[in-house]
Amino acid sequence: MEGMLKPNEICDAAVEAGCTKAKLRVSQQVILGMLAGAFIAVGGVISAVVSHSITNVGVAKFAGGALFPVGLMLVVICGAELFTGNCLMVVPLAGKEITLKPMLKNWVIVYIFNFVGSILIAFLVFKAGVFEMNSGKLGGTVIKVASAKAALPFWTAFCSGIMCNFLVCLAVWGAFAARDIVSKVVIIWFPIMTFVTCGFEHCVANMYFLTAGIFAKSNPSFVAASGLSQDKIINGLGIVHNLIPVTLGNIVGGAVLVGAAYFMVYKHKPVSEKNIVYK
């Protein structure tokens, strides 16, 4: 274990990181939130560009999953505020190192500006002509992906959101243990590749995918390439229909299944054990 933090030390690092996030100025949260949204969107772009023309479904999913982790790598290594990763702020909250107000303030501001960053990249990619790739087939795929996400039933999206952020927060948690960039890249890559390949739902990634679909549907050739009828194509309400359950699921997956679980293991001491002296 030399050269990396031990599991209990990771919990201490998570507490320190959460306290630092709670102290960020609003202007810092705004800028870092936009950057995180942009980074995750970039991962979505390269994932779609590479996978859209692969006919074998399994290979296409793996190809997309193999490249998408670049987004979280940039968030962790370069520094940015990502809503889904910030669900781990429940660890210092549970330990009474921070209060509820700064945590919720961080979540709200970061969530909003993750969205802004995602929309910005979706707009720039659309205007840059990336969706015209492969005679507009990529644009059609963008519409199909967004429309499929918007049509997910509430509980499907919610449970998929739980699984997604369970894996994302494990990647962030593991990255706390790493002391060098290569180690951080490795621990981030596997869980993120897994969630994307399995098709789980990430609210910030969906901010890009859904708005990219809205931009793409303004081009009739992309709509034709999608093969969808007008009543099946994503609209503004579809974004809300997807993001509400996915966001709630992401909170449960990250805050409860990772943050609260590790707090209970390494930080919580039952009253009956607090005065025990181990010899």
C-alpha atoms as a PDB file:
ATOM      1  CA  MET A   1       0.000   0.000   0.000  1.00  0.00           C
ATOM      2  CA  GLU A   2       3.085   2.264   0.030  1.00  0.00           C
ATOM      3  CA  GLY A   3       2.716   5.180  -2.338  1.00  0.00           C
ATOM      4  CA  MET A   4      -1.027   5.505  -1.883  1.00  0.00           C
ATOM      5  CA  LEU A   5      -3.449   6.357   0.877  1.00  0.00           C
ATOM      6  CA  LYS A   6      -5.009   3.576   2.923  1.00  0.00           C
ATOM      7  CA  PRO A   7      -8.831   3.254   2.889  1.00  0.00           C
ATOM      8  CA  ASN A   8      -9.272   5.042   6.228  1.00  0.00           C
ATOM      9  CA  GLU A   9      -6.914   7.799   5.052  1.00  0.00           C
ATOM     10  CA  ILE A  10      -9.021   8.266   1.926  1.00  0.00           C
ATOM     11  CA  CYS A  11     -11.936   9.122   4.204  1.00  0.00           C
ATOM     12  CA  ASP A  12      -9.817  11.805   5.875  1.00  0.00           C
ATOM     13  CA  ALA A  13      -8.902  13.187   2.436  1.00  0.00           C
ATOM     14  CA  ALA A  14     -12.582  13.255   1.468  1.00  0.00           C
ATOM     15  CA  VAL A  15     -13.387  15.259   4.607  1.00  0.00           C
ATOM     16  CA  GLU A  16     -10.624  17.756   3.823  1.00  0.00           C
ATOM     17  CA  ALA A  17     -11.744  18.074   0.191  1.00  0.00           C
ATOM     18  CA  GLY A  18     -15.371  18.591   1.222  1.00  0.00           C
ATOM     19  CA  CYS A  19     -14.413  21.308   3.703  1.00  0.00           C
ATOM     20  CA  THR A  20     -12.390  23.070   1.006  1.00  0.00           C
ATOM     21  CA  LYS A  21     -15.340  22.955  -1.396  1.00  0.00           C
ATOM     22  CA  ALA A  22     -17.663  24.399   1.234  1.00  0.00           C
ATOM     23  CA  LYS A  23     -15.326  27.402   1.649  1.00  0.00           C
ATOM     24  CA  LEU A  24     -15.100  28.297  -2.050  1.00  0.00           C
ATOM     25  CA  ARG A  25     -16.316  31.744  -3.034  1.00  0.00           C
ATOM     26  CA  VAL A  26     -19.404  31.910  -5.235  1.00  0.00           C
ATOM     27  CA  SER A  27     -17.299  33.193  -8.137  1.00  0.00           C
ATOM     28  CA  GLN A  28     -14.998  30.179  -7.785  1.00  0.00           C
ATOM     29  CA  GLN A  29     -17.926  27.772  -7.725  1.00  0.00           C
ATOM     30  CA  VAL A  30     -19.390  29.432 -10.825  1.00  0.00           C
ATOM     31  CA  ILE A  31     -16.216  29.248 -12.904  1.00  0.00           C
ATOM     32  CA  LEU A  32     -15.166  25.789 -11.711  1.00  0.00           C
ATOM     33  CA  GLY A  33     -18.737  24.548 -12.211  1.00  0.00           C
ATOM     34  CA  MET A  34     -18.732  25.746 -15.822  1.00  0.00           C
ATOM     35  CA  LEU A  35     -15.369  24.096 -16.421  1.00  0.00           C
ATOM     36  CA  ALA A  36     -16.565  20.775 -15.030  1.00  0.00           C
ATOM     37  CA  GLY A  37     -19.676  20.856 -17.221  1.00  0.00           C
ATOM     38  CA  ALA A  38     -17.469  21.611 -20.225  1.00  0.00           C
ATOM     39  CA  PHE A  39     -15.005  18.823 -19.367  1.00  0.00           C
ATOM     40  CA  ILE A  40     -17.739  16.196 -19.029  1.00  0.00           C
ATOM     41  CA  ALA A  41     -19.322  17.434 -22.267  1.00  0.00           C
ATOM     42  CA  VAL A  42     -15.997  17.005 -24.066  1.00  0.00           C
ATOM     43  CA  GLY A  43     -15.982  13.395 -22.890  1.00  0.00           C
ATOM     44  CA  GLY A  44     -19.477  13.024 -24.336  1.00  0.00           C
ATOM     45  CA  VAL A  45     -18.375  14.501 -27.657  1.00  0.00           C
ATOM     46  CA  ILE A  46     -15.415  12.185 -28.220  1.00  0.00           C
ATOM     47  CA  SER A  47     -17.433   9.206 -27.003  1.00  0.00           C
ATOM     48  CA  ALA A  48     -20.143   9.866 -29.605  1.00  0.00           C
ATOM     49  CA  VAL A  49     -17.721  10.687 -32.437  1.00  0.00           C
ATOM     50  CA  VAL A  50     -15.881   7.389 -32.065  1.00  0.00           C
ATOM     51  CA  SER A  51     -18.802   5.058 -31.306  1.00  0.00           C
ATOM     52  CA  HIS A  52     -21.592   6.301 -33.615  1.00  0.00           C
ATOM     53  CA  SER A  53     -20.430   4.526 -36.780  1.00  0.00           C
ATOM     54  CA  ILE A  54     -19.538   1.177 -35.160  1.00  0.00           C
ATOM     55  CA  THR A  55     -22.204  -1.339 -36.117  1.00  0.00           C
ATOM     56  CA  ASN A  56     -21.472  -3.912 -33.412  1.00  0.00           C
ATOM     57  CA  VAL A  57     -23.441  -2.673 -30.385  1.00  0.00           C
ATOM     58  CA  GLY A  58     -21.115  -4.128 -27.775  1.00  0.00           C
ATOM     59  CA  VAL A  59     -17.994  -2.779 -29.432  1.00  0.00           C
ATOM     60  CA  ALA A  60     -19.632   0.633 -29.914  1.00  0.00           C
ATOM     61  CA  LYS A  61     -20.576   0.822 -26.232  1.00  0.00           C
ATOM     62  CA  PHE A  62     -17.092  -0.168 -25.143  1.00  0.00           C
ATOM     63  CA  ALA A  63     -15.435   2.299 -27.528  1.00  0.00           C
ATOM     64  CA  GLY A  64     -17.588   5.112 -26.179  1.00  0.00           C
ATOM     65  CA  GLY A  65     -16.989   3.993 -22.616  1.00  0.00           C
ATOM     66  CA  ALA A  66     -13.227   3.797 -23.142  1.00  0.00           C
ATOM     67  CA  LEU A  67     -12.995   7.463 -24.164  1.00  0.00           C
ATOM     68  CA  PHE A  68     -15.634   9.152 -22.019  1.00  0.00           C
ATOM     69  CA  PRO A  69     -13.460   9.080 -18.820  1.00  0.00           C
ATOM     70  CA  VAL A  70     -11.354  11.942 -20.201  1.00  0.00           C
ATOM     71  CA  GLY A  71     -13.996  14.282 -18.740  1.00  0.00           C
ATOM     72  CA  LEU A  72     -13.593  13.180 -15.122  1.00  0.00           C
ATOM     73  CA  MET A  73      -9.823  12.947 -15.543  1.00  0.00           C
ATOM     74  CA  LEU A  74      -9.786  16.645 -16.425  1.00  0.00           C
ATOM     75  CA  VAL A  75     -12.090  17.460 -13.497  1.00  0.00           C
ATOM     76  CA  VAL A  76      -9.913  15.659 -10.951  1.00  0.00           C
ATOM     77  CA  ILE A  77      -6.459  16.506 -12.307  1.00  0.00           C
ATOM     78  CA  CYS A  78      -6.999  20.058 -13.589  1.00  0.00           C
ATOM     79  CA  GLY A  79      -9.481  21.001 -10.869  1.00  0.00           C
ATOM     80  CA  ALA A  80     -13.190  21.720 -11.321  1.00  0.00           C
ATOM     81  CA  GLU A  81     -16.469  21.460  -9.405  1.00  0.00           C
ATOM     82  CA  LEU A  82     -18.666  18.576 -10.553  1.00  0.00           C
ATOM     83  CA  PHE A  83     -22.094  18.140  -8.947  1.00  0.00           C
ATOM     84  CA  THR A  84     -22.014  14.344  -8.973  1.00  0.00           C
ATOM     85  CA  GLY A  85     -18.585  14.170  -7.338  1.00  0.00           C
ATOM     86  CA  ASN A  86     -19.604  16.819  -4.816  1.00  0.00           C
ATOM     87  CA  CYS A  87     -22.219  14.429  -3.464  1.00  0.00           C
ATOM     88  CA  LEU A  88     -19.297  13.195  -1.359  1.00  0.00           C
ATOM     89  CA  MET A  89     -19.568  16.404   0.681  1.00  0.00           C
ATOM     90  CA  VAL A  90     -21.948  14.391   2.877  1.00  0.00           C
ATOM     91  CA  VAL A  91     -18.839  12.902   4.519  1.00  0.00           C
ATOM     92  CA  PRO A  92     -17.716  16.128   6.253  1.00  0.00           C
ATOM     93  CA  LEU A  93     -21.401  16.988   6.765  1.00  0.00           C
ATOM     94  CA  ALA A  94     -21.987  13.747   8.664  1.00  0.00           C
ATOM     95  CA  GLY A  95     -18.866  14.423  10.725  1.00  0.00           C
ATOM     96  CA  LYS A  96     -20.117  17.941  11.533  1.00  0.00           C
ATOM     97  CA  GLU A  97     -17.082  19.471   9.825  1.00  0.00           C
ATOM     98  CA  ILE A  98     -19.431  21.545   7.646  1.00  0.00           C
ATOM     99  CA  THR A  99     -23.098  22.483   7.928  1.00  0.00           C
ATOM    100  CA  LEU A 100     -25.967  21.747   5.565  1.00  0.00           C
ATOM    101  CA  LYS A 101     -26.247  25.290   4.194  1.00  0.00           C
ATOM    102  CA  PRO A 102     -22.826  25.568   2.480  1.00  0.00           C
ATOM    103  CA  MET A 103     -23.158  22.052   1.099  1.00  0.00           C
ATOM    104  CA  LEU A 104     -26.561  22.753  -0.473  1.00  0.00           C
ATOM    105  CA  LYS A 105     -25.333  26.140  -1.697  1.00  0.00           C
ATOM    106  CA  ASN A 106     -22.410  24.421  -3.406  1.00  0.00           C
ATOM    107  CA  TRP A 107     -24.668  21.778  -4.931  1.00  0.00           C
ATOM    108  CA  VAL A 108     -27.119  24.323  -6.359  1.00  0.00           C
ATOM    109  CA  ILE A 109     -24.513  26.694  -7.786  1.00  0.00           C
ATOM    110  CA  VAL A 110     -22.344  23.917  -9.193  1.00  0.00           C
ATOM    111  CA  TYR A 111     -25.341  22.100 -10.698  1.00  0.00           C
ATOM    112  CA  ILE A 112     -26.555  25.236 -12.474  1.00  0.00           C
ATOM    113  CA  PHE A 113     -23.143  26.106 -13.875  1.00  0.00           C
ATOM    114  CA  ASN A 114     -22.353  22.508 -14.824  1.00  0.00           C
ATOM    115  CA  PHE A 115     -25.446  22.939 -17.006  1.00  0.00           C
ATOM    116  CA  VAL A 116     -24.153  26.234 -18.428  1.00  0.00           C
ATOM    117  CA  GLY A 117     -20.785  24.678 -19.299  1.00  0.00           C
ATOM    118  CA  SER A 118     -22.484  21.681 -20.912  1.00  0.00           C
ATOM    119  CA  ILE A 119     -24.758  23.873 -23.038  1.00  0.00           C
ATOM    120  CA  LEU A 120     -21.811  25.983 -24.151  1.00  0.00           C
ATOM    121  CA  ILE A 121     -19.906  22.943 -25.431  1.00  0.00           C
ATOM    122  CA  ALA A 122     -23.040  21.524 -27.088  1.00  0.00           C
ATOM    123  CA  PHE A 123     -23.558  24.837 -28.915  1.00  0.00           C
ATOM    124  CA  LEU A 124     -19.914  25.160 -29.974  1.00  0.00           C
ATOM    125  CA  VAL A 125     -19.725  21.568 -31.194  1.00  0.00           C
ATOM    126  CA  PHE A 126     -22.969  22.029 -33.162  1.00  0.00           C
ATOM    127  CA  LYS A 127     -21.728  25.261 -34.739  1.00  0.00           C
ATOM    128  CA  ALA A 128     -18.320  23.716 -35.450  1.00  0.00           C
ATOM    129  CA  GLY A 129     -20.006  21.197 -37.747  1.00  0.00           C
ATOM    130  CA  VAL A 130     -19.047  18.111 -35.757  1.00  0.00           C
ATOM    131  CA  PHE A 131     -22.581  16.697 -36.047  1.00  0.00           C
ATOM    132  CA  GLU A 132     -22.245  16.747 -39.841  1.00  0.00           C
ATOM    133  CA  MET A 133     -19.696  13.951 -39.612  1.00  0.00           C
ATOM    134  CA  ASN A 134     -20.415  10.841 -41.669  1.00  0.00           C
ATOM    135  CA  SER A 135     -22.908  12.703 -43.907  1.00  0.00           C
ATOM    136  CA  GLY A 136     -24.947  13.875 -40.920  1.00  0.00           C
ATOM    137  CA  LYS A 137     -25.300  10.422 -39.368  1.00  0.00           C
ATOM    138  CA  LEU A 138     -23.634  11.644 -36.183  1.00  0.00           C
ATOM    139  CA  GLY A 139     -26.266  14.393 -35.926  1.00  0.00           C
ATOM    140  CA  GLY A 140     -28.968  11.763 -36.303  1.00  0.00           C
ATOM    141  CA  THR A 141     -27.360   9.651 -33.597  1.00  0.00           C
ATOM    142  CA  VAL A 142     -27.184  12.668 -31.271  1.00  0.00           C
ATOM    143  CA  ILE A 143     -30.942  13.163 -31.702  1.00  0.00           C
ATOM    144  CA  LYS A 144     -31.680   9.473 -31.127  1.00  0.00           C
ATOM    145  CA  VAL A 145     -29.559   9.313 -27.973  1.00  0.00           C
ATOM    146  CA  ALA A 146     -31.139  12.454 -26.515  1.00  0.00           C
ATOM    147  CA  SER A 147     -34.663  11.311 -27.399  1.00  0.00           C
ATOM    148  CA  ALA A 148     -34.117   7.879 -25.848  1.00  0.00           C
ATOM    149  CA  LYS A 149     -32.882   9.460 -22.614  1.00  0.00           C
ATOM    150  CA  ALA A 150     -35.851  11.845 -22.506  1.00  0.00           C
ATOM    151  CA  ALA A 151     -38.265   8.926 -22.889  1.00  0.00           C
ATOM    152  CA  LEU A 152     -36.931   6.862 -19.984  1.00  0.00           C
ATOM    153  CA  PRO A 153     -39.522   5.998 -17.308  1.00  0.00           C
ATOM    154  CA  PHE A 154     -38.964   7.755 -13.957  1.00  0.00           C
ATOM    155  CA  TRP A 155     -37.860   4.701 -11.976  1.00  0.00           C
ATOM    156  CA  THR A 156     -35.617   3.418 -14.758  1.00  0.00           C
ATOM    157  CA  ALA A 157     -33.833   6.773 -14.909  1.00  0.00           C
ATOM    158  CA  PHE A 158     -33.685   6.970 -11.098  1.00  0.00           C
ATOM    159  CA  CYS A 159     -32.148   3.507 -10.618  1.00  0.00           C
ATOM    160  CA  SER A 160     -29.779   4.056 -13.535  1.00  0.00           C
ATOM    161  CA  GLY A 161     -28.729   7.325 -11.868  1.00  0.00           C
ATOM    162  CA  ILE A 162     -27.991   5.471  -8.626  1.00  0.00           C
ATOM    163  CA  MET A 163     -25.735   2.976 -10.382  1.00  0.00           C
ATOM    164  CA  CYS A 164     -23.994   5.699 -12.340  1.00  0.00           C
ATOM    165  CA  ASN A 165     -22.956   7.886  -9.428  1.00  0.00           C
ATOM    166  CA  PHE A 166     -22.112   4.889  -7.287  1.00  0.00           C
ATOM    167  CA  LEU A 167     -19.378   4.216  -9.859  1.00  0.00           C
ATOM    168  CA  VAL A 168     -18.465   7.871 -10.442  1.00  0.00           C
ATOM    169  CA  CYS A 169     -18.001   8.557  -6.727  1.00  0.00           C
ATOM    170  CA  LEU A 170     -15.971   5.376  -6.327  1.00  0.00           C
ATOM    171  CA  ALA A 171     -13.709   6.727  -9.080  1.00  0.00           C
ATOM    172  CA  VAL A 172     -13.389  10.064  -7.246  1.00  0.00           C
ATOM    173  CA  TRP A 173     -12.916   8.276  -3.915  1.00  0.00           C
ATOM    174  CA  GLY A 174     -10.199   6.090  -5.383  1.00  0.00           C
ATOM    175  CA  ALA A 175      -8.502   9.122  -6.946  1.00  0.00           C
ATOM    176  CA  PHE A 176      -8.028  10.533  -3.431  1.00  0.00           C
ATOM    177  CA  ALA A 177      -5.765   7.543  -2.741  1.00  0.00           C
ATOM    178  CA  ALA A 178      -3.482   8.188  -5.707  1.00  0.00           C
ATOM    179  CA  ARG A 179      -0.407  10.342  -5.291  1.00  0.00           C
ATOM    180  CA  ASP A 180       0.542  10.642  -8.974  1.00  0.00           C
ATOM    181  CA  ILE A 181      -1.269  11.416 -12.226  1.00  0.00           C
ATOM    182  CA  VAL A 182      -0.882   7.952 -13.773  1.00  0.00           C
ATOM    183  CA  SER A 183      -2.482   6.303 -10.741  1.00  0.00           C
ATOM    184  CA  LYS A 184      -5.352   8.812 -10.801  1.00  0.00           C
ATOM    185  CA  VAL A 185      -5.967   8.118 -14.488  1.00  0.00           C
ATOM    186  CA  VAL A 186      -6.075   4.358 -13.928  1.00  0.00           C
ATOM    187  CA  ILE A 187      -8.503   4.429 -10.990  1.00  0.00           C
ATOM    188  CA  ILE A 188     -10.764   6.910 -12.770  1.00  0.00           C
ATOM    189  CA  TRP A 189     -10.802   5.033 -16.074  1.00  0.00           C
ATOM    190  CA  PHE A 190     -12.223   1.666 -14.997  1.00  0.00           C
ATOM    191  CA  PRO A 191     -15.353   2.770 -13.047  1.00  0.00           C
ATOM    192  CA  ILE A 192     -16.234   5.484 -15.593  1.00  0.00           C
ATOM    193  CA  MET A 193     -15.727   3.109 -18.521  1.00  0.00           C
ATOM    194  CA  THR A 194     -18.022   0.665 -16.716  1.00  0.00           C
ATOM    195  CA  PHE A 195     -20.885   3.118 -16.174  1.00  0.00           C
ATOM    196  CA  VAL A 196     -20.793   4.414 -19.757  1.00  0.00           C
ATOM    197  CA  THR A 197     -20.541   0.956 -21.308  1.00  0.00           C
ATOM    198  CA  CYS A 198     -23.499  -0.198 -19.195  1.00  0.00           C
ATOM    199  CA  GLY A 199     -25.504   2.875 -20.203  1.00  0.00           C
ATOM    200  CA  PHE A 200     -26.124   4.292 -16.734  1.00  0.00           C
ATOM    201  CA  GLU A 201     -27.421   7.869 -16.431  1.00  0.00           C
ATOM    202  CA  HIS A 202     -25.228  10.783 -15.326  1.00  0.00           C
ATOM    203  CA  CYS A 203     -27.038  14.110 -14.870  1.00  0.00           C
ATOM    204  CA  VAL A 204     -24.148  16.334 -15.979  1.00  0.00           C
ATOM    205  CA  ALA A 205     -23.334  14.176 -19.005  1.00  0.00           C
ATOM    206  CA  ASN A 206     -27.040  14.265 -19.860  1.00  0.00           C
ATOM    207  CA  MET A 207     -27.012  18.059 -19.687  1.00  0.00           C
ATOM    208  CA  TYR A 208     -24.740  17.828 -22.735  1.00  0.00           C
ATOM    209  CA  PHE A 209     -26.430  14.928 -24.529  1.00  0.00           C
ATOM    210  CA  LEU A 210     -29.931  16.356 -24.134  1.00  0.00           C
ATOM    211  CA  THR A 211     -29.095  19.906 -25.184  1.00  0.00           C
ATOM    212  CA  ALA A 212     -26.976  18.601 -28.052  1.00  0.00           C
ATOM    213  CA  GLY A 213     -30.107  16.791 -29.238  1.00  0.00           C
ATOM    214  CA  ILE A 214     -32.086  20.042 -29.047  1.00  0.00           C
ATOM    215  CA  PHE A 215     -29.490  21.843 -31.177  1.00  0.00           C
ATOM    216  CA  ALA A 216     -29.220  18.956 -33.635  1.00  0.00           C
ATOM    217  CA  LYS A 217     -32.966  18.753 -34.249  1.00  0.00           C
ATOM    218  CA  SER A 218     -32.876  22.272 -35.731  1.00  0.00           C
ATOM    219  CA  ASN A 219     -31.168  20.722 -38.776  1.00  0.00           C
ATOM    220  CA  PRO A 220     -33.699  18.852 -40.998  1.00  0.00           C
ATOM    221  CA  SER A 221     -30.996  16.561 -42.407  1.00  0.00           C
ATOM    222  CA  PHE A 222     -30.066  15.407 -38.896  1.00  0.00           C
ATOM    223  CA  VAL A 223     -33.733  14.774 -38.102  1.00  0.00           C
ATOM    224  CA  ALA A 224     -34.043  12.699 -41.265  1.00  0.00           C
ATOM    225  CA  ALA A 225     -30.890  10.764 -40.362  1.00  0.00           C
ATOM    226  CA  SER A 226     -32.329   9.978 -36.934  1.00  0.00           C
ATOM    227  CA  GLY A 227     -35.281   8.143 -38.508  1.00  0.00           C
ATOM    228  CA  LEU A 228     -37.564   9.349 -35.703  1.00  0.00           C
ATOM    229  CA  SER A 229     -41.024  10.799 -36.130  1.00  0.00           C
ATOM    230  CA  GLN A 230     -41.627  14.313 -34.786  1.00  0.00           C
ATOM    231  CA  ASP A 231     -43.571  13.064 -31.762  1.00  0.00           C
ATOM    232  CA  LYS A 232     -40.608  10.912 -30.689  1.00  0.00           C
ATOM    233  CA  ILE A 233     -37.971  13.652 -30.905  1.00  0.00           C
ATOM    234  CA  ILE A 234     -36.715  15.330 -27.729  1.00  0.00           C
ATOM    235  CA  ASN A 235     -38.121  18.682 -26.604  1.00  0.00           C
ATOM    236  CA  GLY A 236     -37.571  20.974 -23.620  1.00  0.00           C
ATOM    237  CA  LEU A 237     -39.879  18.992 -21.355  1.00  0.00           C
ATOM    238  CA  GLY A 238     -37.880  15.881 -22.162  1.00  0.00           C
ATOM    239  CA  ILE A 239     -34.825  17.461 -20.554  1.00  0.00           C
ATOM    240  CA  VAL A 240     -36.737  18.018 -17.306  1.00  0.00           C
ATOM    241  CA  HIS A 241     -38.288  14.545 -17.519  1.00  0.00           C
ATOM    242  CA  ASN A 242     -34.814  13.011 -17.580  1.00  0.00           C
ATOM    243  CA  LEU A 243     -32.813  15.259 -15.277  1.00  0.00           C
ATOM    244  CA  ILE A 244     -35.128  15.127 -12.254  1.00  0.00           C
ATOM    245  CA  PRO A 245     -34.996  11.358 -11.661  1.00  0.00           C
ATOM    246  CA  VAL A 246     -31.384  11.039 -12.811  1.00  0.00           C
ATOM    247  CA  THR A 247     -30.226  13.809 -10.463  1.00  0.00           C
ATOM    248  CA  LEU A 248     -32.076  12.258  -7.524  1.00  0.00           C
ATOM    249  CA  GLY A 249     -30.598   8.867  -8.350  1.00  0.00           C
ATOM    250  CA  ASN A 250     -27.111  10.358  -8.635  1.00  0.00           C
ATOM    251  CA  ILE A 251     -27.479  11.877  -5.159  1.00  0.00           C
ATOM    252  CA  VAL A 252     -28.476   8.525  -3.672  1.00  0.00           C
ATOM    253  CA  GLY A 253     -25.702   6.640  -5.487  1.00  0.00           C
ATOM    254  CA  GLY A 254     -22.943   9.044  -4.481  1.00  0.00           C
ATOM    255  CA  ALA A 255     -24.040  10.500  -1.148  1.00  0.00           C
ATOM    256  CA  VAL A 256     -25.538   7.364   0.363  1.00  0.00           C
ATOM    257  CA  LEU A 257     -23.908   4.314  -1.233  1.00  0.00           C
ATOM    258  CA  VAL A 258     -20.389   5.781  -1.200  1.00  0.00           C
ATOM    259  CA  GLY A 259     -20.103   8.830   1.076  1.00  0.00           C
ATOM    260  CA  ALA A 260     -22.381   7.749   3.928  1.00  0.00           C
ATOM    261  CA  ALA A 261     -21.237   4.137   3.695  1.00  0.00           C
ATOM    262  CA  TYR A 262     -17.554   4.976   4.135  1.00  0.00           C
ATOM    263  CA  PHE A 263     -18.341   7.527   6.850  1.00  0.00           C
ATOM    264  CA  MET A 264     -20.114   4.788   8.836  1.00  0.00           C
ATOM    265  CA  VAL A 265     -17.142   2.456   8.412  1.00  0.00           C
ATOM    266  CA  TYR A 266     -14.282   4.842   9.203  1.00  0.00           C
ATOM    267  CA  LYS A 267     -15.682   7.860  11.057  1.00  0.00           C
ATOM    268  CA  HIS A 268     -18.848   6.957  12.939  1.00  0.00           C
ATOM    269  CA  LYS A 269     -18.424   5.640  16.466  1.00  0.00           C
ATOM    270  CA  PRO A 270     -21.493   4.243  18.258  1.00  0.00           C
ATOM    271  CA  VAL A 271     -22.066   5.658  21.743  1.00  0.00           C
ATOM    272  CA  SER A 272     -21.363   2.249  23.278  1.00  0.00           C
ATOM    273  CA  GLU A 273     -17.829   2.271  21.817  1.00  0.00           C
ATOM    274  CA  LYS A 274     -16.755   5.866  22.434  1.00  0.00           C
ATOM    275  CA  ASN A 275     -15.245   5.281  25.863  1.00  0.00           C
ATOM    276  CA  ILE A 276     -13.695   1.902  25.136  1.00  0.00           C
ATOM    277  CA  VAL A 277      -9.897   1.761  25.407  1.00  0.00           C
ATOM    278  CA  TYR A 278      -8.324  -0.973  23.259  1.00  0.00           C
ATOM    279  CA  LYS A 279      -5.138  -2.457  24.661  1.00  0.00           C
END
